[in-house]
Amino acid sequence: MAVEDGLQRPEGAAGEWSIPLPEKTPSSTYAPAFLALGITFLLFGVVSSYVFSAAGFVLIVVSISKWVRELLHGE
């Protein structure tokens, strides 16, 4: 079924078409990957050495703070 403006409406669709608003997608970030690496180091340090746990904890804190800062400032 053709509509005046040339768009096709699916069969059984009620109402008019709505055009979605353009959304800006957030830029990509490496923070989730570094967070996962920090969790891995933290848990690996439990069975091996406290040095890995300390490095994992620092990596977790840094990656979460970077991720939150990017979300708040909309970078």
PDB file of N, CA and C in Angstrom:
ATOM      1  N   MET A   1       0.846  -1.161   0.000  1.00  0.00           N
ATOM      2  CA  MET A   1       0.000   0.000   0.000  1.00  0.00           C
ATOM      3  C   MET A   1       0.894   1.228   0.000  1.00  0.00           C
ATOM      4  N   ALA A   2       0.798   2.041  -0.993  1.00  0.00           N
ATOM      5  CA  ALA A   2       1.654   3.213  -1.137  1.00  0.00           C
ATOM      6  C   ALA A   2       1.046   4.408  -0.422  1.00  0.00           C
ATOM      7  N   VAL A   3       1.890   5.237   0.131  1.00  0.00           N
ATOM      8  CA  VAL A   3       1.483   6.455   0.796  1.00  0.00           C
ATOM      9  C   VAL A   3       1.924   7.624  -0.084  1.00  0.00           C
ATOM     10  N   GLU A   4       1.358   8.806   0.129  1.00  0.00           N
ATOM     11  CA  GLU A   4       1.625   9.950  -0.728  1.00  0.00           C
ATOM     12  C   GLU A   4       3.112  10.288  -0.852  1.00  0.00           C
ATOM     13  N   ASP A   5       3.873  10.171   0.231  1.00  0.00           N
ATOM     14  CA  ASP A   5       5.273  10.574   0.184  1.00  0.00           C
ATOM     15  C   ASP A   5       6.195   9.480  -0.335  1.00  0.00           C
ATOM     16  N   GLY A   6       5.667   8.387  -0.804  1.00  0.00           N
ATOM     17  CA  GLY A   6       6.469   7.345  -1.418  1.00  0.00           C
ATOM     18  C   GLY A   6       6.903   6.240  -0.476  1.00  0.00           C
ATOM     19  N   LEU A   7       6.613   6.366   0.823  1.00  0.00           N
ATOM     20  CA  LEU A   7       6.981   5.320   1.767  1.00  0.00           C
ATOM     21  C   LEU A   7       5.970   4.190   1.712  1.00  0.00           C
ATOM     22  N   GLN A   8       6.405   3.003   1.956  1.00  0.00           N
ATOM     23  CA  GLN A   8       5.532   1.842   1.989  1.00  0.00           C
ATOM     24  C   GLN A   8       5.159   1.534   3.431  1.00  0.00           C
ATOM     25  N   ARG A   9       3.898   1.255   3.659  1.00  0.00           N
ATOM     26  CA  ARG A   9       3.424   0.916   4.991  1.00  0.00           C
ATOM     27  C   ARG A   9       3.212  -0.597   5.045  1.00  0.00           C
ATOM     28  N   PRO A  10       3.704  -1.265   6.070  1.00  0.00           N
ATOM     29  CA  PRO A  10       3.466  -2.702   6.191  1.00  0.00           C
ATOM     30  C   PRO A  10       1.978  -2.983   6.330  1.00  0.00           C
ATOM     31  N   GLU A  11       1.577  -4.141   5.870  1.00  0.00           N
ATOM     32  CA  GLU A  11       0.173  -4.527   5.965  1.00  0.00           C
ATOM     33  C   GLU A  11      -0.238  -4.619   7.427  1.00  0.00           C
ATOM     34  N   GLY A  12      -1.358  -4.042   7.752  1.00  0.00           N
ATOM     35  CA  GLY A  12      -1.877  -4.100   9.113  1.00  0.00           C
ATOM     36  C   GLY A  12      -1.310  -3.035  10.032  1.00  0.00           C
ATOM     37  N   ALA A  13      -0.461  -2.133   9.526  1.00  0.00           N
ATOM     38  CA  ALA A  13       0.102  -1.076  10.370  1.00  0.00           C
ATOM     39  C   ALA A  13      -0.910   0.046  10.499  1.00  0.00           C
ATOM     40  N   ALA A  14      -1.150   0.463  11.716  1.00  0.00           N
ATOM     41  CA  ALA A  14      -2.119   1.527  11.956  1.00  0.00           C
ATOM     42  C   ALA A  14      -1.386   2.830  12.221  1.00  0.00           C
ATOM     43  N   GLY A  15      -1.999   3.923  11.821  1.00  0.00           N
ATOM     44  CA  GLY A  15      -1.419   5.234  12.105  1.00  0.00           C
ATOM     45  C   GLY A  15      -0.421   5.656  11.048  1.00  0.00           C
ATOM     46  N   GLU A  16       0.255   6.727  11.344  1.00  0.00           N
ATOM     47  CA  GLU A  16       1.233   7.287  10.424  1.00  0.00           C
ATOM     48  C   GLU A  16       2.644   6.863  10.825  1.00  0.00           C
ATOM     49  N   TRP A  17       3.537   6.995   9.887  1.00  0.00           N
ATOM     50  CA  TRP A  17       4.935   6.715  10.168  1.00  0.00           C
ATOM     51  C   TRP A  17       5.497   7.826  11.044  1.00  0.00           C
ATOM     52  N   SER A  18       6.388   7.468  11.909  1.00  0.00           N
ATOM     53  CA  SER A  18       7.084   8.482  12.701  1.00  0.00           C
ATOM     54  C   SER A  18       8.567   8.391  12.365  1.00  0.00           C
ATOM     55  N   ILE A  19       9.174   9.529  12.205  1.00  0.00           N
ATOM     56  CA  ILE A  19      10.592   9.573  11.887  1.00  0.00           C
ATOM     57  C   ILE A  19      11.360   9.677  13.204  1.00  0.00           C
ATOM     58  N   PRO A  20      12.295   8.740  13.461  1.00  0.00           N
ATOM     59  CA  PRO A  20      13.021   8.773  14.735  1.00  0.00           C
ATOM     60  C   PRO A  20      13.955   9.970  14.803  1.00  0.00           C
ATOM     61  N   LEU A  21      14.134  10.457  16.013  1.00  0.00           N
ATOM     62  CA  LEU A  21      15.046  11.565  16.232  1.00  0.00           C
ATOM     63  C   LEU A  21      16.483  11.088  16.057  1.00  0.00           C
ATOM     64  N   PRO A  22      17.336  11.923  15.517  1.00  0.00           N
ATOM     65  CA  PRO A  22      18.737  11.487  15.392  1.00  0.00           C
ATOM     66  C   PRO A  22      19.383  11.428  16.763  1.00  0.00           C
ATOM     67  N   GLU A  23      19.972  10.292  17.078  1.00  0.00           N
ATOM     68  CA  GLU A  23      20.653  10.121  18.351  1.00  0.00           C
ATOM     69  C   GLU A  23      22.143  10.084  18.111  1.00  0.00           C
ATOM     70  N   LYS A  24      22.872  10.696  19.013  1.00  0.00           N
ATOM     71  CA  LYS A  24      24.316  10.661  18.935  1.00  0.00           C
ATOM     72  C   LYS A  24      24.795   9.447  19.714  1.00  0.00           C
ATOM     73  N   THR A  25      25.492   8.565  19.059  1.00  0.00           N
ATOM     74  CA  THR A  25      26.015   7.401  19.756  1.00  0.00           C
ATOM     75  C   THR A  25      27.311   7.784  20.461  1.00  0.00           C
ATOM     76  N   PRO A  26      27.516   7.258  21.645  1.00  0.00           N
ATOM     77  CA  PRO A  26      28.742   7.602  22.370  1.00  0.00           C
ATOM     78  C   PRO A  26      29.973   7.039  21.663  1.00  0.00           C
ATOM     79  N   SER A  27      31.071   7.722  21.821  1.00  0.00           N
ATOM     80  CA  SER A  27      32.300   7.246  21.204  1.00  0.00           C
ATOM     81  C   SER A  27      32.785   5.990  21.914  1.00  0.00           C
ATOM     82  N   SER A  28      33.572   5.215  21.195  1.00  0.00           N
ATOM     83  CA  SER A  28      34.058   3.958  21.769  1.00  0.00           C
ATOM     84  C   SER A  28      35.118   4.251  22.831  1.00  0.00           C
ATOM     85  N   THR A  29      35.243   3.339  23.767  1.00  0.00           N
ATOM     86  CA  THR A  29      36.192   3.493  24.852  1.00  0.00           C
ATOM     87  C   THR A  29      36.784   2.128  25.193  1.00  0.00           C
ATOM     88  N   TYR A  30      37.981   2.164  25.733  1.00  0.00           N
ATOM     89  CA  TYR A  30      38.647   0.934  26.146  1.00  0.00           C
ATOM     90  C   TYR A  30      38.435   0.639  27.626  1.00  0.00           C
ATOM     91  N   ALA A  31      37.692   1.473  28.307  1.00  0.00           N
ATOM     92  CA  ALA A  31      37.512   1.314  29.753  1.00  0.00           C
ATOM     93  C   ALA A  31      36.894  -0.037  30.142  1.00  0.00           C
ATOM     94  N   PRO A  32      35.868  -0.544  29.436  1.00  0.00           N
ATOM     95  CA  PRO A  32      35.333  -1.853  29.835  1.00  0.00           C
ATOM     96  C   PRO A  32      36.347  -2.991  29.691  1.00  0.00           C
ATOM     97  N   ALA A  33      37.172  -2.926  28.666  1.00  0.00           N
ATOM     98  CA  ALA A  33      38.188  -3.973  28.484  1.00  0.00           C
ATOM     99  C   ALA A  33      39.231  -3.907  29.599  1.00  0.00           C
ATOM    100  N   PHE A  34      39.639  -2.693  29.974  1.00  0.00           N
ATOM    101  CA  PHE A  34      40.605  -2.560  31.067  1.00  0.00           C
ATOM    102  C   PHE A  34      39.982  -2.943  32.403  1.00  0.00           C
ATOM    103  N   LEU A  35      38.697  -2.709  32.568  1.00  0.00           N
ATOM    104  CA  LEU A  35      38.009  -3.138  33.781  1.00  0.00           C
ATOM    105  C   LEU A  35      38.015  -4.662  33.877  1.00  0.00           C
ATOM    106  N   ALA A  36      37.735  -5.327  32.773  1.00  0.00           N
ATOM    107  CA  ALA A  36      37.765  -6.792  32.762  1.00  0.00           C
ATOM    108  C   ALA A  36      39.174  -7.315  33.041  1.00  0.00           C
ATOM    109  N   LEU A  37      40.171  -6.651  32.482  1.00  0.00           N
ATOM    110  CA  LEU A  37      41.552  -7.055  32.739  1.00  0.00           C
ATOM    111  C   LEU A  37      41.910  -6.849  34.208  1.00  0.00           C
ATOM    112  N   GLY A  38      41.438  -5.753  34.793  1.00  0.00           N
ATOM    113  CA  GLY A  38      41.694  -5.512  36.215  1.00  0.00           C
ATOM    114  C   GLY A  38      41.045  -6.559  37.103  1.00  0.00           C
ATOM    115  N   ILE A  39      39.820  -6.950  36.761  1.00  0.00           N
ATOM    116  CA  ILE A  39      39.149  -8.006  37.538  1.00  0.00           C
ATOM    117  C   ILE A  39      39.910  -9.321  37.404  1.00  0.00           C
ATOM    118  N   THR A  40      40.388  -9.601  36.198  1.00  0.00           N
ATOM    119  CA  THR A  40      41.160 -10.826  35.974  1.00  0.00           C
ATOM    120  C   THR A  40      42.445 -10.810  36.794  1.00  0.00           C
ATOM    121  N   PHE A  41      43.159  -9.687  36.778  1.00  0.00           N
ATOM    122  CA  PHE A  41      44.380  -9.581  37.588  1.00  0.00           C
ATOM    123  C   PHE A  41      44.081  -9.727  39.070  1.00  0.00           C
ATOM    124  N   LEU A  42      42.994  -9.097  39.510  1.00  0.00           N
ATOM    125  CA  LEU A  42      42.635  -9.167  40.927  1.00  0.00           C
ATOM    126  C   LEU A  42      42.367 -10.605  41.351  1.00  0.00           C
ATOM    127  N   LEU A  43      41.611 -11.332  40.557  1.00  0.00           N
ATOM    128  CA  LEU A  43      41.292 -12.714  40.912  1.00  0.00           C
ATOM    129  C   LEU A  43      42.483 -13.647  40.728  1.00  0.00           C
ATOM    130  N   PHE A  44      43.324 -13.361  39.732  1.00  0.00           N
ATOM    131  CA  PHE A  44      44.536 -14.161  39.556  1.00  0.00           C
ATOM    132  C   PHE A  44      45.494 -13.944  40.724  1.00  0.00           C
ATOM    133  N   GLY A  45      45.497 -12.750  41.253  1.00  0.00           N
ATOM    134  CA  GLY A  45      46.361 -12.452  42.386  1.00  0.00           C
ATOM    135  C   GLY A  45      45.956 -13.181  43.648  1.00  0.00           C
ATOM    136  N   VAL A  46      44.683 -13.560  43.744  1.00  0.00           N
ATOM    137  CA  VAL A  46      44.224 -14.306  44.926  1.00  0.00           C
ATOM    138  C   VAL A  46      44.930 -15.654  45.005  1.00  0.00           C
ATOM    139  N   VAL A  47      45.171 -16.283  43.861  1.00  0.00           N
ATOM    140  CA  VAL A  47      45.801 -17.604  43.869  1.00  0.00           C
ATOM    141  C   VAL A  47      47.300 -17.554  43.639  1.00  0.00           C
ATOM    142  N   SER A  48      47.844 -16.409  43.203  1.00  0.00           N
ATOM    143  CA  SER A  48      49.276 -16.388  42.899  1.00  0.00           C
ATOM    144  C   SER A  48      50.055 -15.428  43.810  1.00  0.00           C
ATOM    145  N   SER A  49      49.837 -14.128  43.635  1.00  0.00           N
ATOM    146  CA  SER A  49      50.639 -13.159  44.369  1.00  0.00           C
ATOM    147  C   SER A  49      49.829 -11.895  44.601  1.00  0.00           C
ATOM    148  N   TYR A  50      50.097 -11.249  45.726  1.00  0.00           N
ATOM    149  CA  TYR A  50      49.377 -10.017  46.042  1.00  0.00           C
ATOM    150  C   TYR A  50      49.731  -8.892  45.070  1.00  0.00           C
ATOM    151  N   VAL A  51      50.850  -9.010  44.363  1.00  0.00           N
ATOM    152  CA  VAL A  51      51.254  -7.987  43.399  1.00  0.00           C
ATOM    153  C   VAL A  51      50.226  -7.905  42.268  1.00  0.00           C
ATOM    154  N   PHE A  52      49.771  -9.059  41.796  1.00  0.00           N
ATOM    155  CA  PHE A  52      48.745  -9.068  40.750  1.00  0.00           C
ATOM    156  C   PHE A  52      47.431  -8.481  41.271  1.00  0.00           C
ATOM    157  N   SER A  53      47.097  -8.799  42.517  1.00  0.00           N
ATOM    158  CA  SER A  53      45.877  -8.257  43.103  1.00  0.00           C
ATOM    159  C   SER A  53      45.959  -6.739  43.225  1.00  0.00           C
ATOM    160  N   ALA A  54      47.109  -6.230  43.631  1.00  0.00           N
ATOM    161  CA  ALA A  54      47.276  -4.787  43.764  1.00  0.00           C
ATOM    162  C   ALA A  54      47.192  -4.108  42.396  1.00  0.00           C
ATOM    163  N   ALA A  55      47.849  -4.700  41.400  1.00  0.00           N
ATOM    164  CA  ALA A  55      47.793  -4.134  40.047  1.00  0.00           C
ATOM    165  C   ALA A  55      46.366  -4.193  39.503  1.00  0.00           C
ATOM    166  N   GLY A  56      45.661  -5.272  39.783  1.00  0.00           N
ATOM    167  CA  GLY A  56      44.275  -5.397  39.338  1.00  0.00           C
ATOM    168  C   GLY A  56      43.379  -4.380  40.003  1.00  0.00           C
ATOM    169  N   PHE A  57      43.583  -4.151  41.288  1.00  0.00           N
ATOM    170  CA  PHE A  57      42.772  -3.165  41.999  1.00  0.00           C
ATOM    171  C   PHE A  57      43.010  -1.759  41.461  1.00  0.00           C
ATOM    172  N   VAL A  58      44.264  -1.428  41.215  1.00  0.00           N
ATOM    173  CA  VAL A  58      44.588  -0.111  40.647  1.00  0.00           C
ATOM    174  C   VAL A  58      43.968   0.028  39.261  1.00  0.00           C
ATOM    175  N   LEU A  59      44.057  -1.013  38.449  1.00  0.00           N
ATOM    176  CA  LEU A  59      43.494  -0.978  37.101  1.00  0.00           C
ATOM    177  C   LEU A  59      41.971  -0.837  37.146  1.00  0.00           C
ATOM    178  N   ILE A  60      41.331  -1.488  38.090  1.00  0.00           N
ATOM    179  CA  ILE A  60      39.875  -1.364  38.246  1.00  0.00           C
ATOM    180  C   ILE A  60      39.498   0.071  38.608  1.00  0.00           C
ATOM    181  N   VAL A  61      40.194   0.652  39.567  1.00  0.00           N
ATOM    182  CA  VAL A  61      39.882   2.021  39.997  1.00  0.00           C
ATOM    183  C   VAL A  61      40.095   3.012  38.859  1.00  0.00           C
ATOM    184  N   VAL A  62      41.193   2.886  38.143  1.00  0.00           N
ATOM    185  CA  VAL A  62      41.494   3.805  37.047  1.00  0.00           C
ATOM    186  C   VAL A  62      40.482   3.660  35.914  1.00  0.00           C
ATOM    187  N   SER A  63      40.144   2.435  35.552  1.00  0.00           N
ATOM    188  CA  SER A  63      39.225   2.244  34.433  1.00  0.00           C
ATOM    189  C   SER A  63      37.801   2.692  34.773  1.00  0.00           C
ATOM    190  N   ILE A  64      37.352   2.449  35.997  1.00  0.00           N
ATOM    191  CA  ILE A  64      36.016   2.910  36.386  1.00  0.00           C
ATOM    192  C   ILE A  64      35.966   4.434  36.425  1.00  0.00           C
ATOM    193  N   SER A  65      37.002   5.054  36.958  1.00  0.00           N
ATOM    194  CA  SER A  65      37.006   6.518  37.008  1.00  0.00           C
ATOM    195  C   SER A  65      37.053   7.118  35.601  1.00  0.00           C
ATOM    196  N   LYS A  66      37.824   6.522  34.705  1.00  0.00           N
ATOM    197  CA  LYS A  66      37.881   7.013  33.325  1.00  0.00           C
ATOM    198  C   LYS A  66      36.533   6.836  32.643  1.00  0.00           C
ATOM    199  N   TRP A  67      35.903   5.690  32.841  1.00  0.00           N
ATOM    200  CA  TRP A  67      34.623   5.401  32.207  1.00  0.00           C
ATOM    201  C   TRP A  67      33.543   6.371  32.697  1.00  0.00           C
ATOM    202  N   VAL A  68      33.476   6.592  33.998  1.00  0.00           N
ATOM    203  CA  VAL A  68      32.482   7.503  34.562  1.00  0.00           C
ATOM    204  C   VAL A  68      32.752   8.932  34.111  1.00  0.00           C
ATOM    205  N   ARG A  69      34.015   9.324  34.083  1.00  0.00           N
ATOM    206  CA  ARG A  69      34.372  10.678  33.634  1.00  0.00           C
ATOM    207  C   ARG A  69      33.952  10.894  32.182  1.00  0.00           C
ATOM    208  N   GLU A  70      34.136   9.884  31.319  1.00  0.00           N
ATOM    209  CA  GLU A  70      33.715   9.996  29.931  1.00  0.00           C
ATOM    210  C   GLU A  70      32.200  10.094  29.812  1.00  0.00           C
ATOM    211  N   LEU A  71      31.486   9.356  30.647  1.00  0.00           N
ATOM    212  CA  LEU A  71      30.026   9.417  30.596  1.00  0.00           C
ATOM    213  C   LEU A  71      29.491  10.741  31.096  1.00  0.00           C
ATOM    214  N   LEU A  72      30.110  11.288  32.146  1.00  0.00           N
ATOM    215  CA  LEU A  72      29.627  12.552  32.700  1.00  0.00           C
ATOM    216  C   LEU A  72      29.918  13.735  31.785  1.00  0.00           C
ATOM    217  N   HIS A  73      31.061  13.725  31.148  1.00  0.00           N
ATOM    218  CA  HIS A  73      31.441  14.850  30.302  1.00  0.00           C
ATOM    219  C   HIS A  73      30.991  14.677  28.861  1.00  0.00           C
ATOM    220  N   GLY A  74      30.497  13.514  28.518  1.00  0.00           N
ATOM    221  CA  GLY A  74      29.996  13.287  27.166  1.00  0.00           C
ATOM    222  C   GLY A  74      31.067  13.339  26.095  1.00  0.00           C
ATOM    223  N   GLU A  75      32.252  12.881  26.426  1.00  0.00           N
ATOM    224  CA  GLU A  75      33.337  12.918  25.455  1.00  0.00           C
ATOM    225  C   GLU A  75      33.130  11.895  24.380  1.00  0.00           C
TER     226      GLU A  75
END
